Amino acid sequence: MPVSFLSTTQRERYARYPETLSSEELARYFHLDDDDREWIATKRRDSSRLGYALQLTTVRFLGTFLEDPTAVPEAVLRTATQLNIPEFADCVAAYRRTRQRWQHTTEIRARYGYREFADTGNQFHLGRWLCALCWTGTDRPSVLFEHANSWLIGHKVLLSGVTLLERFVAEVRSRMESRLWRLLTRDVTDVQRQRLDDLLDPVEGSRQSWLDRLRKGPVRVSAPALVQALLRIETIRDLGIKLPNTKVPPSRIGALARFASTAKVSAVARLPDARRMAGYPGVFCPQSRSQCS
């Protein structure tokens, strides 16, 4: 799969505040509990207390620290009311000029347990979690990226650069797809591979391929249609394609089968060999047909 799959909008939205925040988000990420307020109260100035609170709530919500910690929505600035700071405009300007903001990020990391993406174990645990999602589901890469983003925030791992995380998701998904293709085709012999590829050729005297004929069942109730259906079943059985004994999630087989059952022959022919072969078992194995609907 391509390493670059995010849209321009997704890239611009990454690690940035949305235009509006819901009441649920404000309550979940921007509420300061007693422990937070007690610790923040040890800061000397109102500007320092407000700035610390902004950085803390920002990293909880976005999973990263902003270059300008005061560049937050108006609703977030109202965190000041929890600290009994009536006039926060001057505090914001003062905090923007101070070097304390860099000290606060270090302090927040240590006190609240935030870690870097590159720290030992983080990529392993995220990768293992993504592997499970890829193996059991059929989410698009962009959806997996959002899942990874949420996982990092939930596990207090600071977000990496957008390109690094995008590449990480792409590599995990590609690895799991390759594993699936190998499992589905490991028992397919060279002779069977050739016979399957021959299905892409057009029937003599027709523009329709053998694959088109085999993947379409009868549409009429008649004696000739019954004969054609029986011949079709016999031809498919002669291919000798079986699903592997290893448990493969039905959703994955179904997704491959749906594509192989509906895509144009030219599109199937352009697929990589492993991907193309992996789609055939889902189409031609009776036990998998229920997954194609």
C-alpha atoms as a PDB file:
ATOM      1  CA  MET A   1       0.000   0.000   0.000  1.00  0.00           C
ATOM      2  CA  PRO A   2       1.203   3.573  -0.520  1.00  0.00           C
ATOM      3  CA  VAL A   3       3.047   5.093   2.417  1.00  0.00           C
ATOM      4  CA  SER A   4       1.327   8.450   1.892  1.00  0.00           C
ATOM      5  CA  PHE A   5      -2.428   8.067   2.262  1.00  0.00           C
ATOM      6  CA  LEU A   6      -3.599  11.031   4.352  1.00  0.00           C
ATOM      7  CA  SER A   7      -5.580  13.821   2.759  1.00  0.00           C
ATOM      8  CA  THR A   8      -4.447  17.429   2.968  1.00  0.00           C
ATOM      9  CA  THR A   9      -7.221  18.110   5.469  1.00  0.00           C
ATOM     10  CA  GLN A  10      -6.088  15.272   7.722  1.00  0.00           C
ATOM     11  CA  ARG A  11      -2.512  16.510   7.646  1.00  0.00           C
ATOM     12  CA  GLU A  12      -3.569  20.029   8.552  1.00  0.00           C
ATOM     13  CA  ARG A  13      -5.811  18.754  11.352  1.00  0.00           C
ATOM     14  CA  TYR A  14      -3.139  16.559  12.930  1.00  0.00           C
ATOM     15  CA  ALA A  15      -2.100  17.757  16.405  1.00  0.00           C
ATOM     16  CA  ARG A  16      -4.173  20.912  15.997  1.00  0.00           C
ATOM     17  CA  TYR A  17      -7.236  22.187  17.779  1.00  0.00           C
ATOM     18  CA  PRO A  18     -10.536  21.885  15.897  1.00  0.00           C
ATOM     19  CA  GLU A  19     -12.624  24.982  15.283  1.00  0.00           C
ATOM     20  CA  THR A  20     -15.093  23.994  17.996  1.00  0.00           C
ATOM     21  CA  LEU A  21     -14.972  21.764  21.044  1.00  0.00           C
ATOM     22  CA  SER A  22     -17.941  19.784  22.296  1.00  0.00           C
ATOM     23  CA  SER A  23     -19.157  20.016  25.870  1.00  0.00           C
ATOM     24  CA  GLU A  24     -18.090  16.393  26.355  1.00  0.00           C
ATOM     25  CA  GLU A  25     -14.537  17.171  25.219  1.00  0.00           C
ATOM     26  CA  LEU A  26     -14.334  20.210  27.470  1.00  0.00           C
ATOM     27  CA  ALA A  27     -15.504  18.189  30.457  1.00  0.00           C
ATOM     28  CA  ARG A  28     -13.199  15.247  29.745  1.00  0.00           C
ATOM     29  CA  TYR A  29      -9.942  16.953  28.822  1.00  0.00           C
ATOM     30  CA  PHE A  30     -10.094  20.481  30.222  1.00  0.00           C
ATOM     31  CA  HIS A  31     -11.458  19.982  33.712  1.00  0.00           C
ATOM     32  CA  LEU A  32      -8.836  20.505  36.396  1.00  0.00           C
ATOM     33  CA  ASP A  33      -9.303  18.243  39.400  1.00  0.00           C
ATOM     34  CA  ASP A  34      -8.294  19.039  42.965  1.00  0.00           C
ATOM     35  CA  ASP A  35      -4.808  17.599  42.524  1.00  0.00           C
ATOM     36  CA  ASP A  36      -4.250  19.663  39.365  1.00  0.00           C
ATOM     37  CA  ARG A  37      -5.393  22.886  40.990  1.00  0.00           C
ATOM     38  CA  GLU A  38      -3.381  22.249  44.136  1.00  0.00           C
ATOM     39  CA  TRP A  39      -0.199  21.762  42.118  1.00  0.00           C
ATOM     40  CA  ILE A  40      -0.863  24.691  39.790  1.00  0.00           C
ATOM     41  CA  ALA A  41      -1.471  26.925  42.814  1.00  0.00           C
ATOM     42  CA  THR A  42       2.213  26.549  43.734  1.00  0.00           C
ATOM     43  CA  LYS A  43       3.144  28.672  40.699  1.00  0.00           C
ATOM     44  CA  ARG A  44       3.975  32.248  41.629  1.00  0.00           C
ATOM     45  CA  ARG A  45       2.144  34.351  39.055  1.00  0.00           C
ATOM     46  CA  ASP A  46      -1.292  34.221  37.469  1.00  0.00           C
ATOM     47  CA  SER A  47       0.348  34.080  34.037  1.00  0.00           C
ATOM     48  CA  SER A  48       2.419  31.078  35.089  1.00  0.00           C
ATOM     49  CA  ARG A  49      -0.584  29.300  36.580  1.00  0.00           C
ATOM     50  CA  LEU A  50      -2.717  29.906  33.494  1.00  0.00           C
ATOM     51  CA  GLY A  51       0.068  28.922  31.102  1.00  0.00           C
ATOM     52  CA  TYR A  52       0.746  25.700  32.979  1.00  0.00           C
ATOM     53  CA  ALA A  53      -2.953  24.820  32.891  1.00  0.00           C
ATOM     54  CA  LEU A  54      -3.134  25.509  29.150  1.00  0.00           C
ATOM     55  CA  GLN A  55      -0.154  23.269  28.457  1.00  0.00           C
ATOM     56  CA  LEU A  56      -1.500  20.490  30.672  1.00  0.00           C
ATOM     57  CA  THR A  57      -4.969  20.452  29.123  1.00  0.00           C
ATOM     58  CA  THR A  58      -3.552  20.789  25.611  1.00  0.00           C
ATOM     59  CA  VAL A  59      -1.338  17.727  25.917  1.00  0.00           C
ATOM     60  CA  ARG A  60      -4.243  15.780  27.391  1.00  0.00           C
ATOM     61  CA  PHE A  61      -6.431  16.636  24.420  1.00  0.00           C
ATOM     62  CA  LEU A  62      -3.982  16.812  21.494  1.00  0.00           C
ATOM     63  CA  GLY A  63      -1.241  14.515  22.723  1.00  0.00           C
ATOM     64  CA  THR A  64       1.425  17.136  22.075  1.00  0.00           C
ATOM     65  CA  PHE A  65       2.661  20.533  23.205  1.00  0.00           C
ATOM     66  CA  LEU A  66       2.097  23.533  20.960  1.00  0.00           C
ATOM     67  CA  GLU A  67       4.942  25.765  19.837  1.00  0.00           C
ATOM     68  CA  ASP A  68       2.812  28.665  21.058  1.00  0.00           C
ATOM     69  CA  PRO A  69       1.036  27.235  24.118  1.00  0.00           C
ATOM     70  CA  THR A  70      -1.393  30.148  24.188  1.00  0.00           C
ATOM     71  CA  ALA A  71      -2.678  29.541  20.637  1.00  0.00           C
ATOM     72  CA  VAL A  72      -5.796  27.779  21.875  1.00  0.00           C
ATOM     73  CA  PRO A  73      -9.528  28.287  21.300  1.00  0.00           C
ATOM     74  CA  GLU A  74     -11.455  30.743  23.434  1.00  0.00           C
ATOM     75  CA  ALA A  75     -13.219  27.898  25.221  1.00  0.00           C
ATOM     76  CA  VAL A  76      -9.864  26.543  26.394  1.00  0.00           C
ATOM     77  CA  LEU A  77      -8.751  29.944  27.643  1.00  0.00           C
ATOM     78  CA  ARG A  78     -11.730  29.897  29.952  1.00  0.00           C
ATOM     79  CA  THR A  79      -9.823  27.318  31.952  1.00  0.00           C
ATOM     80  CA  ALA A  80      -8.744  30.452  33.808  1.00  0.00           C
ATOM     81  CA  THR A  81     -12.099  30.531  35.577  1.00  0.00           C
ATOM     82  CA  GLN A  82     -11.189  27.263  37.333  1.00  0.00           C
ATOM     83  CA  LEU A  83      -8.108  29.016  38.701  1.00  0.00           C
ATOM     84  CA  ASN A  84      -9.973  32.148  39.775  1.00  0.00           C
ATOM     85  CA  ILE A  85      -8.063  34.297  37.303  1.00  0.00           C
ATOM     86  CA  PRO A  86     -10.569  36.995  36.281  1.00  0.00           C
ATOM     87  CA  GLU A  87      -8.557  38.787  33.579  1.00  0.00           C
ATOM     88  CA  PHE A  88      -6.628  36.326  31.473  1.00  0.00           C
ATOM     89  CA  ALA A  89      -5.786  38.428  28.412  1.00  0.00           C
ATOM     90  CA  ASP A  90      -2.734  40.034  30.048  1.00  0.00           C
ATOM     91  CA  CYS A  91      -1.696  36.672  31.501  1.00  0.00           C
ATOM     92  CA  VAL A  92      -1.719  35.093  28.053  1.00  0.00           C
ATOM     93  CA  ALA A  93       0.524  37.802  26.612  1.00  0.00           C
ATOM     94  CA  ALA A  94       2.915  37.574  29.567  1.00  0.00           C
ATOM     95  CA  TYR A  95       3.199  33.795  29.391  1.00  0.00           C
ATOM     96  CA  ARG A  96       3.887  33.911  25.669  1.00  0.00           C
ATOM     97  CA  ARG A  97       7.018  35.987  26.370  1.00  0.00           C
ATOM     98  CA  THR A  98       8.392  33.952  29.241  1.00  0.00           C
ATOM     99  CA  ARG A  99      10.822  31.036  29.092  1.00  0.00           C
ATOM    100  CA  GLN A 100       8.846  29.233  31.752  1.00  0.00           C
ATOM    101  CA  ARG A 101       6.747  27.565  29.107  1.00  0.00           C
ATOM    102  CA  TRP A 102       9.683  25.307  28.204  1.00  0.00           C
ATOM    103  CA  GLN A 103      10.254  24.420  31.844  1.00  0.00           C
ATOM    104  CA  HIS A 104       6.582  23.598  32.232  1.00  0.00           C
ATOM    105  CA  THR A 105       6.591  21.063  29.388  1.00  0.00           C
ATOM    106  CA  THR A 106       9.458  19.191  31.046  1.00  0.00           C
ATOM    107  CA  GLU A 107       7.680  19.309  34.382  1.00  0.00           C
ATOM    108  CA  ILE A 108       4.383  18.063  32.944  1.00  0.00           C
ATOM    109  CA  ARG A 109       6.109  15.152  31.199  1.00  0.00           C
ATOM    110  CA  ALA A 110       7.726  14.041  34.440  1.00  0.00           C
ATOM    111  CA  ARG A 111       4.782  14.640  36.782  1.00  0.00           C
ATOM    112  CA  TYR A 112       2.050  13.172  34.560  1.00  0.00           C
ATOM    113  CA  GLY A 113       4.048  10.382  32.924  1.00  0.00           C
ATOM    114  CA  TYR A 114       4.173  11.473  29.281  1.00  0.00           C
ATOM    115  CA  ARG A 115       6.657   9.620  27.078  1.00  0.00           C
ATOM    116  CA  GLU A 116       8.185  10.111  23.648  1.00  0.00           C
ATOM    117  CA  PHE A 117       7.055   8.022  20.677  1.00  0.00           C
ATOM    118  CA  ALA A 118      10.628   6.759  20.247  1.00  0.00           C
ATOM    119  CA  ASP A 119      10.935   5.585  23.868  1.00  0.00           C
ATOM    120  CA  THR A 120      11.452   1.857  24.371  1.00  0.00           C
ATOM    121  CA  GLY A 121       8.312  -0.228  24.038  1.00  0.00           C
ATOM    122  CA  ASN A 122       5.912   2.408  22.748  1.00  0.00           C
ATOM    123  CA  GLN A 123       6.130   1.504  19.078  1.00  0.00           C
ATOM    124  CA  PHE A 124       6.045  -2.202  19.904  1.00  0.00           C
ATOM    125  CA  HIS A 125       2.819  -1.922  21.911  1.00  0.00           C
ATOM    126  CA  LEU A 126       1.163   0.363  19.375  1.00  0.00           C
ATOM    127  CA  GLY A 127       2.248  -1.929  16.541  1.00  0.00           C
ATOM    128  CA  ARG A 128       0.862  -5.008  18.282  1.00  0.00           C
ATOM    129  CA  TRP A 129      -2.457  -3.242  18.876  1.00  0.00           C
ATOM    130  CA  LEU A 130      -2.646  -2.121  15.250  1.00  0.00           C
ATOM    131  CA  CYS A 131      -1.796  -5.648  14.082  1.00  0.00           C
ATOM    132  CA  ALA A 132      -4.872  -6.933  15.912  1.00  0.00           C
ATOM    133  CA  LEU A 133      -7.055  -4.274  14.272  1.00  0.00           C
ATOM    134  CA  CYS A 134      -5.642  -5.040  10.823  1.00  0.00           C
ATOM    135  CA  TRP A 135      -6.016  -8.787  11.253  1.00  0.00           C
ATOM    136  CA  THR A 136      -9.630  -8.751  12.424  1.00  0.00           C
ATOM    137  CA  GLY A 137     -10.990  -5.758  10.518  1.00  0.00           C
ATOM    138  CA  THR A 138     -10.931  -4.029   7.168  1.00  0.00           C
ATOM    139  CA  ASP A 139     -10.484  -0.389   8.180  1.00  0.00           C
ATOM    140  CA  ARG A 140      -8.984   2.003   5.653  1.00  0.00           C
ATOM    141  CA  PRO A 141      -5.466   3.312   6.362  1.00  0.00           C
ATOM    142  CA  SER A 142      -6.810   6.765   7.246  1.00  0.00           C
ATOM    143  CA  VAL A 143      -9.124   5.221   9.853  1.00  0.00           C
ATOM    144  CA  LEU A 144      -6.247   3.188  11.293  1.00  0.00           C
ATOM    145  CA  PHE A 145      -4.261   6.414  11.515  1.00  0.00           C
ATOM    146  CA  GLU A 146      -7.012   8.002  13.614  1.00  0.00           C
ATOM    147  CA  HIS A 147      -7.089   4.904  15.838  1.00  0.00           C
ATOM    148  CA  ALA A 148      -3.318   5.143  16.299  1.00  0.00           C
ATOM    149  CA  ASN A 149      -3.625   8.833  17.148  1.00  0.00           C
ATOM    150  CA  SER A 150      -6.232   8.051  19.821  1.00  0.00           C
ATOM    151  CA  TRP A 151      -4.121   5.197  21.212  1.00  0.00           C
ATOM    152  CA  LEU A 152      -1.108   7.469  21.651  1.00  0.00           C
ATOM    153  CA  ILE A 153      -3.166  10.118  23.423  1.00  0.00           C
ATOM    154  CA  GLY A 154      -4.829   7.549  25.673  1.00  0.00           C
ATOM    155  CA  HIS A 155      -1.500   5.971  26.629  1.00  0.00           C
ATOM    156  CA  LYS A 156       0.248   9.307  27.250  1.00  0.00           C
ATOM    157  CA  VAL A 157       2.676   8.920  24.375  1.00  0.00           C
ATOM    158  CA  LEU A 158       3.502  12.254  22.758  1.00  0.00           C
ATOM    159  CA  LEU A 159       2.572  12.366  19.092  1.00  0.00           C
ATOM    160  CA  SER A 160       5.314  11.888  16.541  1.00  0.00           C
ATOM    161  CA  GLY A 161       5.497  13.836  13.299  1.00  0.00           C
ATOM    162  CA  VAL A 162       2.583  13.178  10.975  1.00  0.00           C
ATOM    163  CA  THR A 163       4.767  11.555   8.297  1.00  0.00           C
ATOM    164  CA  LEU A 164       6.434   9.218  10.794  1.00  0.00           C
ATOM    165  CA  LEU A 165       3.108   7.991  12.187  1.00  0.00           C
ATOM    166  CA  GLU A 166       1.653   7.684   8.691  1.00  0.00           C
ATOM    167  CA  ARG A 167       4.596   5.516   7.614  1.00  0.00           C
ATOM    168  CA  PHE A 168       4.327   3.439  10.781  1.00  0.00           C
ATOM    169  CA  VAL A 169       0.639   2.667  10.158  1.00  0.00           C
ATOM    170  CA  ALA A 170       1.327   1.857   6.502  1.00  0.00           C
ATOM    171  CA  GLU A 171       4.109  -0.577   7.405  1.00  0.00           C
ATOM    172  CA  VAL A 172       2.001  -2.411   9.995  1.00  0.00           C
ATOM    173  CA  ARG A 173      -0.961  -2.710   7.634  1.00  0.00           C
ATOM    174  CA  SER A 174       1.251  -3.877   4.773  1.00  0.00           C
ATOM    175  CA  ARG A 175       2.866  -6.502   6.990  1.00  0.00           C
ATOM    176  CA  MET A 176      -0.495  -7.903   8.094  1.00  0.00           C
ATOM    177  CA  GLU A 177      -1.839  -7.945   4.541  1.00  0.00           C
ATOM    178  CA  SER A 178       1.218  -9.872   3.360  1.00  0.00           C
ATOM    179  CA  ARG A 179       0.713 -12.358   6.175  1.00  0.00           C
ATOM    180  CA  LEU A 180      -2.933 -12.844   5.170  1.00  0.00           C
ATOM    181  CA  TRP A 181      -2.046 -13.358   1.509  1.00  0.00           C
ATOM    182  CA  ARG A 182       0.607 -15.941   2.397  1.00  0.00           C
ATOM    183  CA  LEU A 183      -1.832 -17.900   4.560  1.00  0.00           C
ATOM    184  CA  LEU A 184      -4.526 -17.960   1.893  1.00  0.00           C
ATOM    185  CA  THR A 185      -2.182 -19.065  -0.870  1.00  0.00           C
ATOM    186  CA  ARG A 186       0.317 -21.324   0.887  1.00  0.00           C
ATOM    187  CA  ASP A 187      -1.457 -24.499  -0.299  1.00  0.00           C
ATOM    188  CA  VAL A 188      -1.957 -23.301  -3.883  1.00  0.00           C
ATOM    189  CA  THR A 189       0.333 -25.263  -6.205  1.00  0.00           C
ATOM    190  CA  ASP A 190       2.130 -23.842  -9.226  1.00  0.00           C
ATOM    191  CA  VAL A 191      -0.266 -25.717 -11.502  1.00  0.00           C
ATOM    192  CA  GLN A 192      -3.253 -24.207  -9.713  1.00  0.00           C
ATOM    193  CA  ARG A 193      -1.710 -20.747  -9.911  1.00  0.00           C
ATOM    194  CA  GLN A 194      -1.370 -21.078 -13.657  1.00  0.00           C
ATOM    195  CA  ARG A 195      -4.936 -22.335 -14.016  1.00  0.00           C
ATOM    196  CA  LEU A 196      -6.233 -19.443 -11.927  1.00  0.00           C
ATOM    197  CA  ASP A 197      -4.338 -16.896 -13.992  1.00  0.00           C
ATOM    198  CA  ASP A 198      -5.687 -18.522 -17.147  1.00  0.00           C
ATOM    199  CA  LEU A 199      -9.159 -17.556 -15.922  1.00  0.00           C
ATOM    200  CA  LEU A 200      -8.308 -13.959 -16.772  1.00  0.00           C
ATOM    201  CA  ASP A 201      -8.060 -14.825 -20.463  1.00  0.00           C
ATOM    202  CA  PRO A 202     -11.142 -14.292 -22.649  1.00  0.00           C
ATOM    203  CA  VAL A 203     -13.265 -17.264 -23.655  1.00  0.00           C
ATOM    204  CA  GLU A 204     -12.648 -18.261 -27.267  1.00  0.00           C
ATOM    205  CA  GLY A 205     -15.010 -16.347 -29.514  1.00  0.00           C
ATOM    206  CA  SER A 206     -16.130 -14.068 -26.678  1.00  0.00           C
ATOM    207  CA  ARG A 207     -15.019 -10.841 -25.006  1.00  0.00           C
ATOM    208  CA  GLN A 208     -15.941 -12.301 -21.636  1.00  0.00           C
ATOM    209  CA  SER A 209     -13.238 -13.932 -19.514  1.00  0.00           C
ATOM    210  CA  TRP A 210     -13.492 -17.299 -17.814  1.00  0.00           C
ATOM    211  CA  LEU A 211     -13.410 -15.506 -14.475  1.00  0.00           C
ATOM    212  CA  ASP A 212     -16.479 -13.482 -15.449  1.00  0.00           C
ATOM    213  CA  ARG A 213     -18.339 -16.661 -16.333  1.00  0.00           C
ATOM    214  CA  LEU A 214     -17.408 -18.549 -13.195  1.00  0.00           C
ATOM    215  CA  ARG A 215     -18.141 -15.809 -10.697  1.00  0.00           C
ATOM    216  CA  LYS A 216     -21.646 -15.175 -12.034  1.00  0.00           C
ATOM    217  CA  GLY A 217     -24.335 -17.669 -11.136  1.00  0.00           C
ATOM    218  CA  PRO A 218     -27.474 -18.474 -13.158  1.00  0.00           C
ATOM    219  CA  VAL A 219     -30.135 -15.775 -13.416  1.00  0.00           C
ATOM    220  CA  ARG A 220     -32.893 -17.805 -15.053  1.00  0.00           C
ATOM    221  CA  VAL A 221     -34.833 -20.865 -13.962  1.00  0.00           C
ATOM    222  CA  SER A 222     -34.612 -23.241 -16.917  1.00  0.00           C
ATOM    223  CA  ALA A 223     -33.108 -26.541 -17.959  1.00  0.00           C
ATOM    224  CA  PRO A 224     -30.221 -24.935 -19.912  1.00  0.00           C
ATOM    225  CA  ALA A 225     -29.492 -22.660 -16.966  1.00  0.00           C
ATOM    226  CA  LEU A 226     -29.379 -25.676 -14.657  1.00  0.00           C
ATOM    227  CA  VAL A 227     -26.931 -27.435 -16.961  1.00  0.00           C
ATOM    228  CA  GLN A 228     -24.732 -24.327 -17.075  1.00  0.00           C
ATOM    229  CA  ALA A 229     -24.853 -24.068 -13.292  1.00  0.00           C
ATOM    230  CA  LEU A 230     -23.753 -27.686 -12.886  1.00  0.00           C
ATOM    231  CA  LEU A 231     -20.908 -27.197 -15.360  1.00  0.00           C
ATOM    232  CA  ARG A 232     -19.869 -24.082 -13.474  1.00  0.00           C
ATOM    233  CA  ILE A 233     -19.785 -25.985 -10.174  1.00  0.00           C
ATOM    234  CA  GLU A 234     -17.777 -28.798 -11.736  1.00  0.00           C
ATOM    235  CA  THR A 235     -15.259 -26.358 -13.209  1.00  0.00           C
ATOM    236  CA  ILE A 236     -14.809 -24.606  -9.868  1.00  0.00           C
ATOM    237  CA  ARG A 237     -14.337 -27.925  -8.068  1.00  0.00           C
ATOM    238  CA  ASP A 238     -11.724 -28.967 -10.596  1.00  0.00           C
ATOM    239  CA  LEU A 239      -9.658 -25.942  -9.592  1.00  0.00           C
ATOM    240  CA  GLY A 240      -9.131 -27.637  -6.220  1.00  0.00           C
ATOM    241  CA  ILE A 241      -8.913 -24.374  -4.274  1.00  0.00           C
ATOM    242  CA  LYS A 242      -9.386 -24.688  -0.515  1.00  0.00           C
ATOM    243  CA  LEU A 243      -9.186 -22.350   2.424  1.00  0.00           C
ATOM    244  CA  PRO A 244      -6.252 -22.974   4.803  1.00  0.00           C
ATOM    245  CA  ASN A 245      -6.839 -24.733   8.113  1.00  0.00           C
ATOM    246  CA  THR A 246      -5.457 -21.712   9.950  1.00  0.00           C
ATOM    247  CA  LYS A 247      -8.223 -19.505  11.286  1.00  0.00           C
ATOM    248  CA  VAL A 248      -8.538 -16.434   9.117  1.00  0.00           C
ATOM    249  CA  PRO A 249     -11.105 -13.779  10.121  1.00  0.00           C
ATOM    250  CA  PRO A 250     -14.182 -14.153   7.880  1.00  0.00           C
ATOM    251  CA  SER A 251     -14.280 -10.394   7.359  1.00  0.00           C
ATOM    252  CA  ARG A 252     -10.853 -10.474   5.698  1.00  0.00           C
ATOM    253  CA  ILE A 253     -11.781 -13.354   3.397  1.00  0.00           C
ATOM    254  CA  GLY A 254     -15.046 -11.624   2.600  1.00  0.00           C
ATOM    255  CA  ALA A 255     -13.331  -8.356   1.668  1.00  0.00           C
ATOM    256  CA  LEU A 256     -10.917 -10.105  -0.697  1.00  0.00           C
ATOM    257  CA  ALA A 257     -13.732 -12.164  -2.186  1.00  0.00           C
ATOM    258  CA  ARG A 258     -15.969  -9.146  -2.756  1.00  0.00           C
ATOM    259  CA  PHE A 259     -13.261  -7.425  -4.739  1.00  0.00           C
ATOM    260  CA  ALA A 260     -12.420 -10.508  -6.794  1.00  0.00           C
ATOM    261  CA  SER A 261     -16.131 -11.107  -7.409  1.00  0.00           C
ATOM    262  CA  THR A 262     -16.978  -7.611  -8.626  1.00  0.00           C
ATOM    263  CA  ALA A 263     -13.834  -5.927  -9.961  1.00  0.00           C
ATOM    264  CA  LYS A 264     -13.086  -5.732 -13.646  1.00  0.00           C
ATOM    265  CA  VAL A 265     -10.802  -8.464 -14.919  1.00  0.00           C
ATOM    266  CA  SER A 266      -8.274  -5.832 -15.954  1.00  0.00           C
ATOM    267  CA  ALA A 267      -8.157  -4.555 -12.360  1.00  0.00           C
ATOM    268  CA  VAL A 268      -7.669  -8.078 -11.005  1.00  0.00           C
ATOM    269  CA  ALA A 269      -4.883  -8.720 -13.514  1.00  0.00           C
ATOM    270  CA  ARG A 270      -2.999  -5.607 -12.367  1.00  0.00           C
ATOM    271  CA  LEU A 271      -2.858  -6.765  -8.744  1.00  0.00           C
ATOM    272  CA  PRO A 272       0.412  -8.107  -7.316  1.00  0.00           C
ATOM    273  CA  ASP A 273       0.621 -11.895  -7.665  1.00  0.00           C
ATOM    274  CA  ALA A 274       0.162 -12.613  -3.951  1.00  0.00           C
ATOM    275  CA  ARG A 275      -2.814 -10.257  -3.651  1.00  0.00           C
ATOM    276  CA  ARG A 276      -4.457 -11.640  -6.782  1.00  0.00           C
ATOM    277  CA  MET A 277      -4.091 -15.260  -5.690  1.00  0.00           C
ATOM    278  CA  ALA A 278      -5.386 -14.460  -2.196  1.00  0.00           C
ATOM    279  CA  GLY A 279      -8.691 -13.302  -3.635  1.00  0.00           C
ATOM    280  CA  TYR A 280      -9.511 -16.537  -5.446  1.00  0.00           C
ATOM    281  CA  PRO A 281     -10.103 -18.807  -2.413  1.00  0.00           C
ATOM    282  CA  GLY A 282     -12.836 -16.497  -1.176  1.00  0.00           C
ATOM    283  CA  VAL A 283     -14.571 -16.629  -4.558  1.00  0.00           C
ATOM    284  CA  PHE A 284     -14.261 -20.331  -5.336  1.00  0.00           C
ATOM    285  CA  CYS A 285     -14.490 -21.979  -1.891  1.00  0.00           C
ATOM    286  CA  PRO A 286     -18.076 -22.877  -0.899  1.00  0.00           C
ATOM    287  CA  GLN A 287     -17.408 -22.337   2.805  1.00  0.00           C
ATOM    288  CA  SER A 288     -16.512 -18.701   2.167  1.00  0.00           C
ATOM    289  CA  ARG A 289     -19.387 -17.700  -0.090  1.00  0.00           C
ATOM    290  CA  SER A 290     -21.499 -16.492   2.809  1.00  0.00           C
ATOM    291  CA  GLN A 291     -18.874 -13.828   3.496  1.00  0.00           C
ATOM    292  CA  CYS A 292     -19.219 -12.233   0.069  1.00  0.00           C
ATOM    293  CA  SER A 293     -22.728 -10.939   0.641  1.00  0.00           C
END
